[in-house]
Amino acid sequence: MEVFPGDIVYSKAGRDKNGYFVIMSVDGEYAYICDGRKRKTDSQKRKKIKHLELGIGHSQYIEKKLLAGEKVTNAELRRELYEYNQKEG
């Protein structure tokens, strides 16, 4: 499965296990993820893609900002993850 910036993923392994994150960028077999709380945009977590559950969701808003080269704030990440969790129940 392909991985794109703006994808919402679930961490299956590591200290951040059982958390939801947004992919900020992809580099080979690694993804750079953050959630706006523990992992802020200025200290993104580098994580192997095989340790992430993909296909959870996607944020069009975050994707548009990243592709335009604009800065994504921690508050925007938290809001997108909150809205996703509200939709999923």
PDB file of N, CA and C in Angstrom:
ATOM      1  N   MET A   1       0.846  -1.183   0.000  1.00  0.00           N
ATOM      2  CA  MET A   1       0.000   0.000   0.000  1.00  0.00           C
ATOM      3  C   MET A   1       0.891   1.245   0.000  1.00  0.00           C
ATOM      4  N   GLU A   2       0.520   2.207  -0.801  1.00  0.00           N
ATOM      5  CA  GLU A   2       1.284   3.447  -0.901  1.00  0.00           C
ATOM      6  C   GLU A   2       1.014   4.344   0.314  1.00  0.00           C
ATOM      7  N   VAL A   3       2.020   5.126   0.650  1.00  0.00           N
ATOM      8  CA  VAL A   3       1.932   6.040   1.791  1.00  0.00           C
ATOM      9  C   VAL A   3       2.128   7.460   1.269  1.00  0.00           C
ATOM     10  N   PHE A   4       1.260   8.368   1.708  1.00  0.00           N
ATOM     11  CA  PHE A   4       1.313   9.753   1.251  1.00  0.00           C
ATOM     12  C   PHE A   4       1.274  10.714   2.433  1.00  0.00           C
ATOM     13  N   PRO A   5       1.866  11.893   2.284  1.00  0.00           N
ATOM     14  CA  PRO A   5       1.733  12.911   3.333  1.00  0.00           C
ATOM     15  C   PRO A   5       0.257  13.243   3.547  1.00  0.00           C
ATOM     16  N   GLY A   6      -0.116  13.376   4.805  1.00  0.00           N
ATOM     17  CA  GLY A   6      -1.507  13.644   5.140  1.00  0.00           C
ATOM     18  C   GLY A   6      -2.267  12.395   5.565  1.00  0.00           C
ATOM     19  N   ASP A   7      -1.695  11.211   5.354  1.00  0.00           N
ATOM     20  CA  ASP A   7      -2.355   9.973   5.784  1.00  0.00           C
ATOM     21  C   ASP A   7      -2.386   9.893   7.304  1.00  0.00           C
ATOM     22  N   ILE A   8      -3.483   9.412   7.830  1.00  0.00           N
ATOM     23  CA  ILE A   8      -3.611   9.159   9.265  1.00  0.00           C
ATOM     24  C   ILE A   8      -3.288   7.697   9.488  1.00  0.00           C
ATOM     25  N   VAL A   9      -2.354   7.437  10.395  1.00  0.00           N
ATOM     26  CA  VAL A   9      -1.890   6.073  10.639  1.00  0.00           C
ATOM     27  C   VAL A   9      -1.962   5.736  12.126  1.00  0.00           C
ATOM     28  N   TYR A  10      -1.874   4.447  12.412  1.00  0.00           N
ATOM     29  CA  TYR A  10      -1.914   3.926  13.779  1.00  0.00           C
ATOM     30  C   TYR A  10      -0.594   3.221  14.034  1.00  0.00           C
ATOM     31  N   SER A  11       0.057   3.551  15.134  1.00  0.00           N
ATOM     32  CA  SER A  11       1.349   2.955  15.466  1.00  0.00           C
ATOM     33  C   SER A  11       1.132   1.586  16.112  1.00  0.00           C
ATOM     34  N   LYS A  12       1.773   0.558  15.538  1.00  0.00           N
ATOM     35  CA  LYS A  12       1.628  -0.810  16.039  1.00  0.00           C
ATOM     36  C   LYS A  12       2.787  -1.240  16.924  1.00  0.00           C
ATOM     37  N   ALA A  13       3.890  -0.483  16.967  1.00  0.00           N
ATOM     38  CA  ALA A  13       5.073  -0.900  17.724  1.00  0.00           C
ATOM     39  C   ALA A  13       5.831   0.313  18.238  1.00  0.00           C
ATOM     40  N   GLY A  14       6.611   0.086  19.290  1.00  0.00           N
ATOM     41  CA  GLY A  14       7.458   1.140  19.840  1.00  0.00           C
ATOM     42  C   GLY A  14       6.825   1.831  21.022  1.00  0.00           C
ATOM     43  N   ARG A  15       7.503   2.870  21.511  1.00  0.00           N
ATOM     44  CA  ARG A  15       7.000   3.623  22.662  1.00  0.00           C
ATOM     45  C   ARG A  15       5.702   4.343  22.374  1.00  0.00           C
ATOM     46  N   ASP A  16       5.495   4.670  21.120  1.00  0.00           N
ATOM     47  CA  ASP A  16       4.280   5.385  20.728  1.00  0.00           C
ATOM     48  C   ASP A  16       3.176   4.437  20.275  1.00  0.00           C
ATOM     49  N   LYS A  17       3.280   3.163  20.636  1.00  0.00           N
ATOM     50  CA  LYS A  17       2.305   2.141  20.265  1.00  0.00           C
ATOM     51  C   LYS A  17       0.902   2.574  20.684  1.00  0.00           C
ATOM     52  N   ASN A  18      -0.085   2.233  19.856  1.00  0.00           N
ATOM     53  CA  ASN A  18      -1.507   2.519  20.099  1.00  0.00           C
ATOM     54  C   ASN A  18      -1.874   3.982  19.942  1.00  0.00           C
ATOM     55  N   GLY A  19      -1.056   4.749  19.239  1.00  0.00           N
ATOM     56  CA  GLY A  19      -1.358   6.155  19.013  1.00  0.00           C
ATOM     57  C   GLY A  19      -1.657   6.440  17.548  1.00  0.00           C
ATOM     58  N   TYR A  20      -2.424   7.490  17.309  1.00  0.00           N
ATOM     59  CA  TYR A  20      -2.727   7.940  15.955  1.00  0.00           C
ATOM     60  C   TYR A  20      -1.817   9.107  15.599  1.00  0.00           C
ATOM     61  N   PHE A  21      -1.320   9.101  14.361  1.00  0.00           N
ATOM     62  CA  PHE A  21      -0.392  10.110  13.884  1.00  0.00           C
ATOM     63  C   PHE A  21      -0.731  10.499  12.452  1.00  0.00           C
ATOM     64  N   VAL A  22      -0.166  11.612  12.021  1.00  0.00           N
ATOM     65  CA  VAL A  22      -0.286  12.062  10.636  1.00  0.00           C
ATOM     66  C   VAL A  22       1.087  11.963   9.999  1.00  0.00           C
ATOM     67  N   ILE A  23       1.144  11.410   8.794  1.00  0.00           N
ATOM     68  CA  ILE A  23       2.411  11.319   8.068  1.00  0.00           C
ATOM     69  C   ILE A  23       2.718  12.683   7.467  1.00  0.00           C
ATOM     70  N   MET A  24       3.913  13.196   7.778  1.00  0.00           N
ATOM     71  CA  MET A  24       4.338  14.487   7.264  1.00  0.00           C
ATOM     72  C   MET A  24       5.167  14.336   5.989  1.00  0.00           C
ATOM     73  N   SER A  25       5.977  13.275   5.927  1.00  0.00           N
ATOM     74  CA  SER A  25       6.767  13.005   4.725  1.00  0.00           C
ATOM     75  C   SER A  25       7.174  11.539   4.721  1.00  0.00           C
ATOM     76  N   VAL A  26       7.638  11.083   3.556  1.00  0.00           N
ATOM     77  CA  VAL A  26       8.053   9.691   3.375  1.00  0.00           C
ATOM     78  C   VAL A  26       9.434   9.686   2.759  1.00  0.00           C
ATOM     79  N   ASP A  27      10.297   8.791   3.276  1.00  0.00           N
ATOM     80  CA  ASP A  27      11.659   8.653   2.762  1.00  0.00           C
ATOM     81  C   ASP A  27      11.996   7.167   2.695  1.00  0.00           C
ATOM     82  N   GLY A  28      11.776   6.554   1.530  1.00  0.00           N
ATOM     83  CA  GLY A  28      12.060   5.129   1.366  1.00  0.00           C
ATOM     84  C   GLY A  28      11.142   4.288   2.219  1.00  0.00           C
ATOM     85  N   GLU A  29      11.733   3.517   3.138  1.00  0.00           N
ATOM     86  CA  GLU A  29      10.926   2.654   4.012  1.00  0.00           C
ATOM     87  C   GLU A  29      10.561   3.332   5.329  1.00  0.00           C
ATOM     88  N   TYR A  30      10.838   4.619   5.437  1.00  0.00           N
ATOM     89  CA  TYR A  30      10.551   5.367   6.653  1.00  0.00           C
ATOM     90  C   TYR A  30       9.504   6.452   6.399  1.00  0.00           C
ATOM     91  N   ALA A  31       8.721   6.722   7.429  1.00  0.00           N
ATOM     92  CA  ALA A  31       7.765   7.823   7.399  1.00  0.00           C
ATOM     93  C   ALA A  31       8.077   8.736   8.577  1.00  0.00           C
ATOM     94  N   TYR A  32       7.886  10.016   8.391  1.00  0.00           N
ATOM     95  CA  TYR A  32       8.051  10.995   9.464  1.00  0.00           C
ATOM     96  C   TYR A  32       6.659  11.370   9.938  1.00  0.00           C
ATOM     97  N   ILE A  33       6.388  11.078  11.211  1.00  0.00           N
ATOM     98  CA  ILE A  33       5.042  11.238  11.746  1.00  0.00           C
ATOM     99  C   ILE A  33       5.034  12.198  12.933  1.00  0.00           C
ATOM    100  N   CYS A  34       3.872  12.798  13.175  1.00  0.00           N
ATOM    101  CA  CYS A  34       3.687  13.611  14.380  1.00  0.00           C
ATOM    102  C   CYS A  34       2.206  13.683  14.691  1.00  0.00           C
ATOM    103  N   ASP A  35       1.914  14.063  15.934  1.00  0.00           N
ATOM    104  CA  ASP A  35       0.524  14.137  16.377  1.00  0.00           C
ATOM    105  C   ASP A  35       0.165  15.504  16.961  1.00  0.00           C
ATOM    106  N   GLY A  36       1.136  16.395  17.119  1.00  0.00           N
ATOM    107  CA  GLY A  36       0.867  17.725  17.653  1.00  0.00           C
ATOM    108  C   GLY A  36       0.872  17.785  19.166  1.00  0.00           C
ATOM    109  N   ARG A  37       1.017  16.654  19.839  1.00  0.00           N
ATOM    110  CA  ARG A  37       1.064  16.613  21.301  1.00  0.00           C
ATOM    111  C   ARG A  37       2.443  16.151  21.756  1.00  0.00           C
ATOM    112  N   LYS A  38       2.638  14.855  21.816  1.00  0.00           N
ATOM    113  CA  LYS A  38       3.939  14.317  22.220  1.00  0.00           C
ATOM    114  C   LYS A  38       4.972  14.503  21.120  1.00  0.00           C
ATOM    115  N   ARG A  39       4.556  14.297  19.888  1.00  0.00           N
ATOM    116  CA  ARG A  39       5.439  14.489  18.734  1.00  0.00           C
ATOM    117  C   ARG A  39       4.985  15.712  17.972  1.00  0.00           C
ATOM    118  N   LYS A  40       5.729  16.788  18.157  1.00  0.00           N
ATOM    119  CA  LYS A  40       5.382  18.059  17.530  1.00  0.00           C
ATOM    120  C   LYS A  40       5.993  18.138  16.132  1.00  0.00           C
ATOM    121  N   THR A  41       5.586  19.135  15.380  1.00  0.00           N
ATOM    122  CA  THR A  41       6.044  19.261  13.998  1.00  0.00           C
ATOM    123  C   THR A  41       7.541  19.548  13.901  1.00  0.00           C
ATOM    124  N   ASP A  42       8.119  20.165  14.923  1.00  0.00           N
ATOM    125  CA  ASP A  42       9.554  20.467  14.867  1.00  0.00           C
ATOM    126  C   ASP A  42      10.418  19.299  15.344  1.00  0.00           C
ATOM    127  N   SER A  43       9.819  18.230  15.852  1.00  0.00           N
ATOM    128  CA  SER A  43      10.583  17.035  16.234  1.00  0.00           C
ATOM    129  C   SER A  43       9.818  15.786  15.799  1.00  0.00           C
ATOM    130  N   GLN A  44       9.711  15.623  14.492  1.00  0.00           N
ATOM    131  CA  GLN A  44       8.955  14.517  13.933  1.00  0.00           C
ATOM    132  C   GLN A  44       9.637  13.183  14.215  1.00  0.00           C
ATOM    133  N   LYS A  45       8.824  12.139  14.371  1.00  0.00           N
ATOM    134  CA  LYS A  45       9.319  10.794  14.645  1.00  0.00           C
ATOM    135  C   LYS A  45       9.573  10.080  13.321  1.00  0.00           C
ATOM    136  N   ARG A  46      10.774   9.529  13.176  1.00  0.00           N
ATOM    137  CA  ARG A  46      11.117   8.717  12.009  1.00  0.00           C
ATOM    138  C   ARG A  46      10.766   7.277  12.359  1.00  0.00           C
ATOM    139  N   LYS A  47       9.865   6.673  11.604  1.00  0.00           N
ATOM    140  CA  LYS A  47       9.371   5.345  11.939  1.00  0.00           C
ATOM    141  C   LYS A  47       9.259   4.495  10.675  1.00  0.00           C
ATOM    142  N   LYS A  48       9.631   3.228  10.799  1.00  0.00           N
ATOM    143  CA  LYS A  48       9.501   2.320   9.666  1.00  0.00           C
ATOM    144  C   LYS A  48       8.026   2.143   9.326  1.00  0.00           C
ATOM    145  N   ILE A  49       7.742   2.132   8.044  1.00  0.00           N
ATOM    146  CA  ILE A  49       6.366   2.026   7.583  1.00  0.00           C
ATOM    147  C   ILE A  49       5.749   0.702   8.007  1.00  0.00           C
ATOM    148  N   LYS A  50       6.567  -0.360   8.113  1.00  0.00           N
ATOM    149  CA  LYS A  50       6.015  -1.659   8.497  1.00  0.00           C
ATOM    150  C   LYS A  50       5.482  -1.666   9.932  1.00  0.00           C
ATOM    151  N   HIS A  51       5.835  -0.667  10.740  1.00  0.00           N
ATOM    152  CA  HIS A  51       5.340  -0.568  12.105  1.00  0.00           C
ATOM    153  C   HIS A  51       4.098   0.307  12.216  1.00  0.00           C
ATOM    154  N   LEU A  52       3.553   0.699  11.072  1.00  0.00           N
ATOM    155  CA  LEU A  52       2.360   1.534  11.043  1.00  0.00           C
ATOM    156  C   LEU A  52       1.208   0.794  10.372  1.00  0.00           C
ATOM    157  N   GLU A  53       0.011   0.987  10.901  1.00  0.00           N
ATOM    158  CA  GLU A  53      -1.183   0.458  10.253  1.00  0.00           C
ATOM    159  C   GLU A  53      -1.686   1.532   9.301  1.00  0.00           C
ATOM    160  N   LEU A  54      -1.707   1.196   8.024  1.00  0.00           N
ATOM    161  CA  LEU A  54      -2.056   2.165   6.988  1.00  0.00           C
ATOM    162  C   LEU A  54      -3.528   2.049   6.613  1.00  0.00           C
ATOM    163  N   GLY A  55      -4.003   3.002   5.847  1.00  0.00           N
ATOM    164  CA  GLY A  55      -5.371   2.958   5.349  1.00  0.00           C
ATOM    165  C   GLY A  55      -6.413   3.370   6.366  1.00  0.00           C
ATOM    166  N   ILE A  56      -6.002   4.016   7.430  1.00  0.00           N
ATOM    167  CA  ILE A  56      -6.930   4.429   8.493  1.00  0.00           C
ATOM    168  C   ILE A  56      -7.762   5.622   8.034  1.00  0.00           C
ATOM    169  N   GLY A  57      -7.103   6.613   7.471  1.00  0.00           N
ATOM    170  CA  GLY A  57      -7.789   7.819   7.029  1.00  0.00           C
ATOM    171  C   GLY A  57      -6.825   8.745   6.323  1.00  0.00           C
ATOM    172  N   HIS A  58      -7.331   9.890   5.900  1.00  0.00           N
ATOM    173  CA  HIS A  58      -6.496  10.849   5.193  1.00  0.00           C
ATOM    174  C   HIS A  58      -7.024  12.253   5.465  1.00  0.00           C
ATOM    175  N   SER A  59      -6.107  13.197   5.646  1.00  0.00           N
ATOM    176  CA  SER A  59      -6.463  14.596   5.861  1.00  0.00           C
ATOM    177  C   SER A  59      -6.121  15.397   4.608  1.00  0.00           C
ATOM    178  N   GLN A  60      -7.151  15.801   3.880  1.00  0.00           N
ATOM    179  CA  GLN A  60      -6.947  16.608   2.676  1.00  0.00           C
ATOM    180  C   GLN A  60      -6.334  17.964   3.035  1.00  0.00           C
ATOM    181  N   TYR A  61      -6.741  18.520   4.168  1.00  0.00           N
ATOM    182  CA  TYR A  61      -6.248  19.831   4.598  1.00  0.00           C
ATOM    183  C   TYR A  61      -4.738  19.804   4.829  1.00  0.00           C
ATOM    184  N   ILE A  62      -4.266  18.818   5.568  1.00  0.00           N
ATOM    185  CA  ILE A  62      -2.829  18.701   5.852  1.00  0.00           C
ATOM    186  C   ILE A  62      -2.066  18.413   4.560  1.00  0.00           C
ATOM    187  N   GLU A  63      -2.606  17.542   3.716  1.00  0.00           N
ATOM    188  CA  GLU A  63      -1.942  17.219   2.454  1.00  0.00           C
ATOM    189  C   GLU A  63      -1.761  18.470   1.593  1.00  0.00           C
ATOM    190  N   LYS A  64      -2.803  19.281   1.470  1.00  0.00           N
ATOM    191  CA  LYS A  64      -2.724  20.502   0.660  1.00  0.00           C
ATOM    192  C   LYS A  64      -1.656  21.456   1.188  1.00  0.00           C
ATOM    193  N   LYS A  65      -1.607  21.624   2.517  1.00  0.00           N
ATOM    194  CA  LYS A  65      -0.612  22.518   3.105  1.00  0.00           C
ATOM    195  C   LYS A  65       0.804  21.998   2.874  1.00  0.00           C
ATOM    196  N   LEU A  66       1.013  20.695   3.037  1.00  0.00           N
ATOM    197  CA  LEU A  66       2.346  20.125   2.849  1.00  0.00           C
ATOM    198  C   LEU A  66       2.800  20.227   1.394  1.00  0.00           C
ATOM    199  N   LEU A  67       1.900  19.941   0.462  1.00  0.00           N
ATOM    200  CA  LEU A  67       2.252  20.012  -0.957  1.00  0.00           C
ATOM    201  C   LEU A  67       2.502  21.448  -1.413  1.00  0.00           C
ATOM    202  N   ALA A  68       1.856  22.417  -0.763  1.00  0.00           N
ATOM    203  CA  ALA A  68       2.066  23.826  -1.094  1.00  0.00           C
ATOM    204  C   ALA A  68       3.311  24.386  -0.419  1.00  0.00           C
ATOM    205  N   GLY A  69       3.941  23.595   0.451  1.00  0.00           N
ATOM    206  CA  GLY A  69       5.141  24.051   1.137  1.00  0.00           C
ATOM    207  C   GLY A  69       4.859  24.933   2.338  1.00  0.00           C
ATOM    208  N   GLU A  70       3.614  24.934   2.793  1.00  0.00           N
ATOM    209  CA  GLU A  70       3.246  25.752   3.956  1.00  0.00           C
ATOM    210  C   GLU A  70       3.518  24.988   5.249  1.00  0.00           C
ATOM    211  N   LYS A  71       3.698  25.737   6.322  1.00  0.00           N
ATOM    212  CA  LYS A  71       3.959  25.133   7.628  1.00  0.00           C
ATOM    213  C   LYS A  71       2.649  24.638   8.239  1.00  0.00           C
ATOM    214  N   VAL A  72       2.691  23.424   8.761  1.00  0.00           N
ATOM    215  CA  VAL A  72       1.545  22.849   9.455  1.00  0.00           C
ATOM    216  C   VAL A  72       1.783  23.034  10.950  1.00  0.00           C
ATOM    217  N   THR A  73       0.811  23.610  11.643  1.00  0.00           N
ATOM    218  CA  THR A  73       0.979  23.855  13.074  1.00  0.00           C
ATOM    219  C   THR A  73       0.530  22.640  13.881  1.00  0.00           C
ATOM    220  N   ASN A  74       0.985  22.584  15.118  1.00  0.00           N
ATOM    221  CA  ASN A  74       0.598  21.495  16.012  1.00  0.00           C
ATOM    222  C   ASN A  74      -0.900  21.531  16.290  1.00  0.00           C
ATOM    223  N   ALA A  75      -1.470  22.708  16.400  1.00  0.00           N
ATOM    224  CA  ALA A  75      -2.911  22.837  16.645  1.00  0.00           C
ATOM    225  C   ALA A  75      -3.714  22.264  15.480  1.00  0.00           C
ATOM    226  N   GLU A  76      -3.248  22.492  14.261  1.00  0.00           N
ATOM    227  CA  GLU A  76      -3.934  21.938  13.091  1.00  0.00           C
ATOM    228  C   GLU A  76      -3.883  20.412  13.104  1.00  0.00           C
ATOM    229  N   LEU A  77      -2.741  19.848  13.480  1.00  0.00           N
ATOM    230  CA  LEU A  77      -2.629  18.388  13.570  1.00  0.00           C
ATOM    231  C   LEU A  77      -3.579  17.835  14.628  1.00  0.00           C
ATOM    232  N   ARG A  78      -3.599  18.461  15.789  1.00  0.00           N
ATOM    233  CA  ARG A  78      -4.493  18.000  16.853  1.00  0.00           C
ATOM    234  C   ARG A  78      -5.951  18.075  16.421  1.00  0.00           C
ATOM    235  N   ARG A  79      -6.317  19.165  15.735  1.00  0.00           N
ATOM    236  CA  ARG A  79      -7.695  19.330  15.273  1.00  0.00           C
ATOM    237  C   ARG A  79      -8.070  18.248  14.260  1.00  0.00           C
ATOM    238  N   GLU A  80      -7.183  17.966  13.311  1.00  0.00           N
ATOM    239  CA  GLU A  80      -7.471  16.945  12.306  1.00  0.00           C
ATOM    240  C   GLU A  80      -7.614  15.564  12.939  1.00  0.00           C
ATOM    241  N   LEU A  81      -6.741  15.221  13.887  1.00  0.00           N
ATOM    242  CA  LEU A  81      -6.835  13.925  14.557  1.00  0.00           C
ATOM    243  C   LEU A  81      -8.095  13.857  15.428  1.00  0.00           C
ATOM    244  N   TYR A  82      -8.460  14.968  16.066  1.00  0.00           N
ATOM    245  CA  TYR A  82      -9.675  15.015  16.875  1.00  0.00           C
ATOM    246  C   TYR A  82     -10.909  14.797  15.996  1.00  0.00           C
ATOM    247  N   GLU A  83     -10.964  15.487  14.852  1.00  0.00           N
ATOM    248  CA  GLU A  83     -12.100  15.351  13.943  1.00  0.00           C
ATOM    249  C   GLU A  83     -12.187  13.928  13.405  1.00  0.00           C
ATOM    250  N   TYR A  84     -11.037  13.322  13.116  1.00  0.00           N
ATOM    251  CA  TYR A  84     -11.032  11.935  12.650  1.00  0.00           C
ATOM    252  C   TYR A  84     -11.602  11.018  13.732  1.00  0.00           C
ATOM    253  N   ASN A  85     -11.156  11.201  14.975  1.00  0.00           N
ATOM    254  CA  ASN A  85     -11.638  10.356  16.072  1.00  0.00           C
ATOM    255  C   ASN A  85     -13.140  10.549  16.311  1.00  0.00           C
ATOM    256  N   GLN A  86     -13.653  11.766  16.114  1.00  0.00           N
ATOM    257  CA  GLN A  86     -15.078  12.015  16.292  1.00  0.00           C
ATOM    258  C   GLN A  86     -15.889  11.306  15.210  1.00  0.00           C
ATOM    259  N   LYS A  87     -15.374  11.291  13.973  1.00  0.00           N
ATOM    260  CA  LYS A  87     -16.067  10.603  12.885  1.00  0.00           C
ATOM    261  C   LYS A  87     -16.116   9.097  13.121  1.00  0.00           C
ATOM    262  N   GLU A  88     -15.015   8.560  13.595  1.00  0.00           N
ATOM    263  CA  GLU A  88     -14.904   7.108  13.791  1.00  0.00           C
ATOM    264  C   GLU A  88     -15.621   6.638  15.047  1.00  0.00           C
ATOM    265  N   GLY A  89     -15.814   7.540  15.973  1.00  0.00           N
ATOM    266  CA  GLY A  89     -16.516   7.198  17.216  1.00  0.00           C
ATOM    267  C   GLY A  89     -15.620   6.548  18.172  1.00  0.00           C
TER     268      GLY A  89
END
